Protein backbone atom coordinates (compact mmCIF):
# COMPACT_ATOMS: atom_id res chain seq x y z
CA UNK A 1 60.69 134.78 179.25
CA UNK A 2 60.08 138.83 178.47
CA UNK A 3 62.62 138.55 175.21
CA UNK A 4 60.32 135.41 174.31
CA UNK A 5 56.85 137.16 174.52
CA UNK A 6 58.36 140.05 172.46
CA UNK A 7 59.59 137.83 169.83
CA UNK A 8 56.20 135.79 169.57
CA UNK A 9 54.28 139.08 169.46
CA UNK A 10 56.44 140.23 166.62
CA UNK A 11 56.36 137.27 164.59
CA UNK A 12 52.58 136.88 164.79
CA UNK A 13 52.23 141.00 163.82
CA UNK A 14 52.38 141.14 160.00
CA UNK A 15 52.25 144.59 158.70
CA UNK A 16 50.58 144.84 155.32
CA UNK A 17 52.63 147.60 153.46
CA UNK A 18 49.69 148.58 151.09
CA UNK A 19 47.06 148.99 153.74
CA UNK A 20 49.41 150.95 155.31
CA UNK A 21 50.23 153.29 152.26
CA UNK A 22 46.50 153.35 151.66
CA UNK A 23 45.53 154.45 155.02
CA UNK A 24 48.72 157.29 154.98
CA UNK A 25 47.20 158.28 151.49
CA UNK A 26 43.65 159.06 153.16
CA UNK A 27 45.20 160.46 155.95
CA UNK A 28 47.08 162.99 153.86
CA UNK A 29 44.15 164.13 151.82
CA UNK A 30 41.97 164.62 154.77
CA UNK A 31 44.77 166.70 156.46
CA UNK A 32 43.50 170.12 155.11
CA UNK A 33 41.37 172.41 157.12
CA UNK A 34 38.93 172.98 154.04
CA UNK A 35 38.96 169.02 153.17
CA UNK A 36 38.03 168.40 156.81
CA UNK A 37 35.18 170.87 156.76
CA UNK A 38 34.12 169.40 153.81
CA UNK A 39 33.82 165.84 155.67
CA UNK A 40 32.12 167.52 158.35
CA UNK A 41 29.71 169.17 155.96
CA UNK A 42 28.95 165.79 154.21
CA UNK A 43 28.98 163.84 157.28
CA UNK A 44 26.09 165.76 158.82
CA UNK A 45 24.16 166.09 155.32
CA UNK A 46 24.69 162.79 153.66
CA UNK A 47 24.63 163.91 150.00
CA UNK A 48 25.49 167.59 148.64
CA UNK A 49 25.94 168.83 144.92
CA UNK A 50 29.20 170.85 144.73
CA UNK A 51 27.08 174.08 144.78
CA UNK A 52 25.63 173.42 147.76
CA UNK A 53 29.38 172.57 149.45
CA UNK A 54 31.22 175.84 147.87
CA UNK A 55 27.85 178.10 149.16
CA UNK A 56 28.14 176.76 152.24
CA UNK A 57 31.69 176.75 153.08
CA UNK A 58 31.77 180.43 151.33
CA UNK A 59 34.52 179.66 148.82
CA UNK A 60 35.13 179.69 145.02
CA UNK A 61 33.61 176.72 142.80
CA UNK A 62 37.02 175.90 141.48
CA UNK A 63 38.75 175.34 145.28
CA UNK A 64 35.62 173.56 146.39
CA UNK A 65 36.22 171.03 142.98
CA UNK A 66 39.80 170.99 143.61
CA UNK A 67 39.43 169.85 147.43
CA UNK A 68 36.51 167.45 146.03
CA UNK A 69 38.84 165.64 143.60
CA UNK A 70 41.54 164.92 145.73
CA UNK A 71 39.34 163.39 148.16
CA UNK A 72 37.66 161.42 145.42
CA UNK A 73 40.91 160.29 143.95
CA UNK A 74 41.87 159.03 147.35
CA UNK A 75 38.79 157.21 148.21
CA UNK A 76 37.37 159.31 150.92
CA UNK A 77 34.62 160.34 148.98
CA UNK A 78 32.21 158.96 146.18
CA UNK A 79 30.14 160.52 143.60
CA UNK A 80 27.23 160.62 141.57
CA UNK A 81 25.95 162.55 138.70
CA UNK A 82 22.23 163.58 138.80
CA UNK A 83 21.27 165.46 135.52
CA UNK A 84 23.78 168.52 135.49
CA UNK A 85 24.66 168.17 139.01
CA UNK A 86 27.48 165.98 140.54
CA UNK A 87 26.55 164.89 144.27
CA UNK A 88 29.33 163.93 146.99
CA UNK A 89 29.09 161.72 149.44
CA UNK A 90 31.07 160.15 152.16
CA UNK A 91 32.21 156.62 151.08
CA UNK A 92 33.08 155.33 154.57
CA UNK A 93 31.89 157.33 157.91
CA UNK A 94 34.95 156.00 160.10
CA UNK A 95 36.89 158.79 158.86
CA UNK A 96 34.97 161.32 160.96
CA UNK A 97 35.60 159.18 163.92
CA UNK A 98 39.00 159.73 163.31
CA UNK A 99 38.59 163.14 162.88
CA UNK A 100 36.46 163.84 166.21
CA UNK A 101 39.30 161.48 168.00
CA UNK A 102 41.78 164.03 167.12
CA UNK A 103 39.35 167.16 167.93
CA UNK A 104 38.92 165.54 171.23
CA UNK A 105 42.62 165.40 171.80
CA UNK A 106 43.05 169.08 171.05
CA UNK A 107 40.39 169.88 173.58
CA UNK A 108 42.40 168.53 176.19
């Protein structure tokens, strides 16, 4: 009986490999302290320019741009140009919930 239940679960459970790879790629992209700080900063400020980001995090502009490009290329951030400035914002705030969950786990 137990084996039949497991068999039913396994046959109804279908894993979408492409979705798993995409999720894994996003998790690898955010798995850096500076990128987590950027995500947190954008979560609290909605949208920020590159200048505002590197100034608030006290890092070099080149370093900020490097990390922002990684996050953008993995679909974590979106960018919009306004004149000479590029503004970044979170594509989906759910990632901040994942980070908060991990932080709660670290509190124990």
